[in-house]
C-alpha atoms as a PDB file:
ATOM      1  CA  MET A   1      74.405  78.205  81.362  1.00  0.00           C
ATOM      2  CA  HIS A   2      76.976  75.454  82.160  1.00  0.00           C
ATOM      3  CA  ALA A   3      77.880  73.649  85.330  1.00  0.00           C
ATOM      4  CA  VAL A   4      81.148  72.064  86.453  1.00  0.00           C
ATOM      5  CA  SER A   5      82.102  70.396  89.712  1.00  0.00           C
ATOM      6  CA  VAL A   6      85.031  71.609  91.822  1.00  0.00           C
ATOM      7  CA  SER A   7      86.932  68.453  90.932  1.00  0.00           C
ATOM      8  CA  GLY A   8      86.079  68.924  87.254  1.00  0.00           C
ATOM      9  CA  LEU A   9      87.382  72.420  87.416  1.00  0.00           C
ATOM     10  CA  LYS A  10      90.582  71.289  89.168  1.00  0.00           C
ATOM     11  CA  HIS A  11      91.224  68.579  86.565  1.00  0.00           C
ATOM     12  CA  ASN A  12      90.265  70.547  83.412  1.00  0.00           C
ATOM     13  CA  PRO A  13      90.164  74.351  84.094  1.00  0.00           C
ATOM     14  CA  ALA A  14      90.596  75.047  80.361  1.00  0.00           C
ATOM     15  CA  ASP A  15      87.278  73.419  79.570  1.00  0.00           C
ATOM     16  CA  ALA A  16      85.444  75.592  82.093  1.00  0.00           C
ATOM     17  CA  LEU A  17      87.130  78.719  80.747  1.00  0.00           C
ATOM     18  CA  ARG A  18      86.213  77.728  77.224  1.00  0.00           C
ATOM     19  CA  GLN A  19      82.556  77.181  78.326  1.00  0.00           C
ATOM     20  CA  ALA A  20      82.578  80.604  80.137  1.00  0.00           C
ATOM     21  CA  LYS A  21      83.305  82.288  76.805  1.00  0.00           C
ATOM     22  CA  THR A  22      79.862  81.383  75.557  1.00  0.00           C
ATOM     23  CA  ALA A  23      77.700  81.294  78.762  1.00  0.00           C
ATOM     24  CA  PRO A  24      78.106  81.580  82.576  1.00  0.00           C
ATOM     25  CA  VAL A  25      79.547  78.530  84.278  1.00  0.00           C
ATOM     26  CA  VAL A  26      78.375  77.594  87.824  1.00  0.00           C
ATOM     27  CA  VAL A  27      80.932  75.758  89.871  1.00  0.00           C
ATOM     28  CA  LEU A  28      79.284  73.177  92.128  1.00  0.00           C
ATOM     29  CA  ASN A  29      80.814  71.996  95.372  1.00  0.00           C
ATOM     30  CA  ARG A  30      78.885  68.785  95.742  1.00  0.00           C
ATOM     31  CA  ASP A  31      75.301  69.985  95.263  1.00  0.00           C
ATOM     32  CA  ASN A  32      75.927  73.514  96.328  1.00  0.00           C
ATOM     33  CA  PRO A  33      76.620  76.356  93.835  1.00  0.00           C
ATOM     34  CA  ASP A  34      79.935  77.751  94.957  1.00  0.00           C
ATOM     35  CA  ALA A  35      81.221  80.142  92.268  1.00  0.00           C
ATOM     36  CA  LEU A  36      80.225  81.636  88.948  1.00  0.00           C
ATOM     37  CA  LEU A  37      82.632  81.992  86.009  1.00  0.00           C
ATOM     38  CA  ILE A  38      81.758  84.650  83.451  1.00  0.00           C
ATOM     39  CA  GLY A  39      83.796  85.198  80.323  1.00  0.00           C
ATOM     40  CA  LEU A  40      84.722  88.883  80.083  1.00  0.00           C
ATOM     41  CA  GLU A  41      84.593  88.808  76.332  1.00  0.00           C
ATOM     42  CA  GLN A  42      80.822  88.066  76.415  1.00  0.00           C
ATOM     43  CA  GLY A  43      78.858  90.961  75.059  1.00  0.00           C
ATOM     44  CA  GLY A  44      82.039  92.945  74.469  1.00  0.00           C
ATOM     45  CA  MET A  45      82.561  93.631  78.155  1.00  0.00           C
ATOM     46  CA  LEU A  46      86.324  94.203  77.721  1.00  0.00           C
ATOM     47  CA  GLN A  47      85.813  96.639  74.909  1.00  0.00           C
ATOM     48  CA  ALA A  48      83.580  98.890  77.044  1.00  0.00           C
ATOM     49  CA  PRO A  49      85.436 102.173  77.828  1.00  0.00           C
ATOM     50  CA  GLY A  50      87.452 101.997  81.001  1.00  0.00           C
ATOM     51  CA  VAL A  51      86.885  98.311  81.777  1.00  0.00           C
ATOM     52  CA  ARG A  52      90.392  97.115  80.997  1.00  0.00           C
ATOM     53  CA  ALA A  53      91.962 100.037  82.877  1.00  0.00           C
ATOM     54  CA  ALA A  54      89.680  99.454  85.927  1.00  0.00           C
ATOM     55  CA  LEU A  55      90.396  95.791  85.934  1.00  0.00           C
ATOM     56  CA  ALA A  56      94.130  96.231  85.697  1.00  0.00           C
ATOM     57  CA  THR A  57      94.141  98.934  88.317  1.00  0.00           C
ATOM     58  CA  ALA A  58      92.262  96.828  90.856  1.00  0.00           C
ATOM     59  CA  LEU A  59      94.530  93.810  90.174  1.00  0.00           C
ATOM     60  CA  PHE A  60      97.672  95.911  90.497  1.00  0.00           C
ATOM     61  CA  ARG A  61      96.400  97.716  93.666  1.00  0.00           C
ATOM     62  CA  ASP A  62      95.651  94.329  95.326  1.00  0.00           C
ATOM     63  CA  SER A  63      99.153  93.049  94.333  1.00  0.00           C
ATOM     64  CA  GLU A  64      97.706  90.425  92.011  1.00  0.00           C
ATOM     65  CA  LEU A  65      99.586  91.693  88.916  1.00  0.00           C
ATOM     66  CA  SER A  66     102.953  93.322  88.431  1.00  0.00           C
ATOM     67  CA  LEU A  67     103.137  96.877  87.116  1.00  0.00           C
ATOM     68  CA  VAL A  68     104.084  95.695  83.614  1.00  0.00           C
ATOM     69  CA  ARG A  69     101.422  92.997  83.399  1.00  0.00           C
ATOM     70  CA  ALA A  70      98.752  95.391  84.669  1.00  0.00           C
ATOM     71  CA  ALA A  71      99.778  97.945  81.991  1.00  0.00           C
ATOM     72  CA  HIS A  72      99.442  95.227  79.395  1.00  0.00           C
ATOM     73  CA  VAL A  73      95.966  94.246  80.670  1.00  0.00           C
ATOM     74  CA  ALA A  74      95.018  97.938  80.538  1.00  0.00           C
ATOM     75  CA  GLU A  75      96.475  98.089  77.029  1.00  0.00           C
ATOM     76  CA  MET A  76      98.655 101.059  78.051  1.00  0.00           C
ATOM     77  CA  ASP A  77     102.326 101.509  77.947  1.00  0.00           C
ATOM     78  CA  VAL A  78     103.976 101.470  81.413  1.00  0.00           C
ATOM     79  CA  ALA A  79     104.532 105.196  81.638  1.00  0.00           C
ATOM     80  CA  ARG A  80     100.872 105.955  80.721  1.00  0.00           C
ATOM     81  CA  PHE A  81      99.719 103.322  83.305  1.00  0.00           C
ATOM     82  CA  ILE A  82     101.995 104.860  85.992  1.00  0.00           C
ATOM     83  CA  ALA A  83     100.390 108.303  85.273  1.00  0.00           C
ATOM     84  CA  HIS A  84      96.977 106.654  85.447  1.00  0.00           C
ATOM     85  CA  LEU A  85      97.814 105.186  88.881  1.00  0.00           C
ATOM     86  CA  SER A  86      99.156 108.490  90.024  1.00  0.00           C
ATOM     87  CA  ARG A  87      95.934 110.298  89.160  1.00  0.00           C
ATOM     88  CA  LEU A  88      94.109 107.710  91.339  1.00  0.00           C
ATOM     89  CA  GLY A  89      96.626 108.116  94.215  1.00  0.00           C
ATOM     90  CA  ILE A  90      97.911 104.565  93.857  1.00  0.00           C
ATOM     91  CA  PRO A  91     101.688 104.258  94.279  1.00  0.00           C
ATOM     92  CA  ALA A  92     103.331 102.558  91.311  1.00  0.00           C
ATOM     93  CA  ILE A  93     106.320 101.451  93.298  1.00  0.00           C
ATOM     94  CA  ARG A  94     106.069 100.145  96.800  1.00  0.00           C
ATOM     95  CA  LEU A  95     109.333  99.967  98.762  1.00  0.00           C
ATOM     96  CA  THR A  96     109.996  99.701 102.453  1.00  0.00           C
ATOM     97  CA  ALA A  97     112.233 102.320 104.092  1.00  0.00           C
ATOM     98  CA  ALA A  98     115.150  99.724 104.053  1.00  0.00           C
ATOM     99  CA  GLU A  99     114.648  99.024 100.339  1.00  0.00           C
ATOM    100  CA  THR A 100     114.519 102.746  99.573  1.00  0.00           C
ATOM    101  CA  ARG A 101     117.816 103.289 101.540  1.00  0.00           C
ATOM    102  CA  ALA A 102     119.502 100.369  99.705  1.00  0.00           C
ATOM    103  CA  ASP A 103     118.320 101.700  96.346  1.00  0.00           C
ATOM    104  CA  LEU A 104     119.677 105.246  97.201  1.00  0.00           C
ATOM    105  CA  ASP A 105     123.070 103.707  98.339  1.00  0.00           C
ATOM    106  CA  THR A 106     123.269 101.765  94.999  1.00  0.00           C
ATOM    107  CA  LEU A 107     122.417 105.006  93.121  1.00  0.00           C
ATOM    108  CA  GLU A 108     125.095 106.936  95.014  1.00  0.00           C
ATOM    109  CA  GLN A 109     127.769 104.302  94.332  1.00  0.00           C
ATOM    110  CA  TRP A 110     126.845 104.253  90.684  1.00  0.00           C
ATOM    111  CA  LEU A 111     127.038 108.063  90.411  1.00  0.00           C
ATOM    112  CA  GLN A 112     130.369 108.044  92.153  1.00  0.00           C
ATOM    113  CA  SER A 113     131.681 105.435  89.617  1.00  0.00           C
ATOM    114  CA  LEU A 114     130.801 107.902  86.845  1.00  0.00           C
ATOM    115  CA  SER A 115     132.895 110.674  88.338  1.00  0.00           C
ATOM    116  CA  PRO A 116     136.371 110.908  86.926  1.00  0.00           C
ATOM    117  CA  THR A 117     139.052 109.982  89.434  1.00  0.00           C
ATOM    118  CA  PRO A 118     141.636 112.640  90.058  1.00  0.00           C
ATOM    119  CA  ALA A 119     145.016 112.106  88.310  1.00  0.00           C
ATOM    120  CA  PRO A 120     147.964 111.379  90.690  1.00  0.00           C
END
């Protein structure tokens, strides 16, 4: 197990992450343990079935990752990740009513631009 102070973590986070690959790292705030860093590659955690998908799903659901980044974390293509979210009842696209109307207006304008104009 390793230990790092909050200021040490702030000044050199890469070192703490490197240490977490081999053993847990306790982050100390003065003399109080405040957080624990655990490398996900320890013991093959990321290779266990469903772990990457579950991690990506939770991060996407909580708006911590974009759809594309979450799909990459899950090691899925975007279409497959959207289907995965759908099975779980998680919307892949979150728009307000105003954004939806604006998108529909843009789509309508684009579709009208494709229509041939009547000859004079």
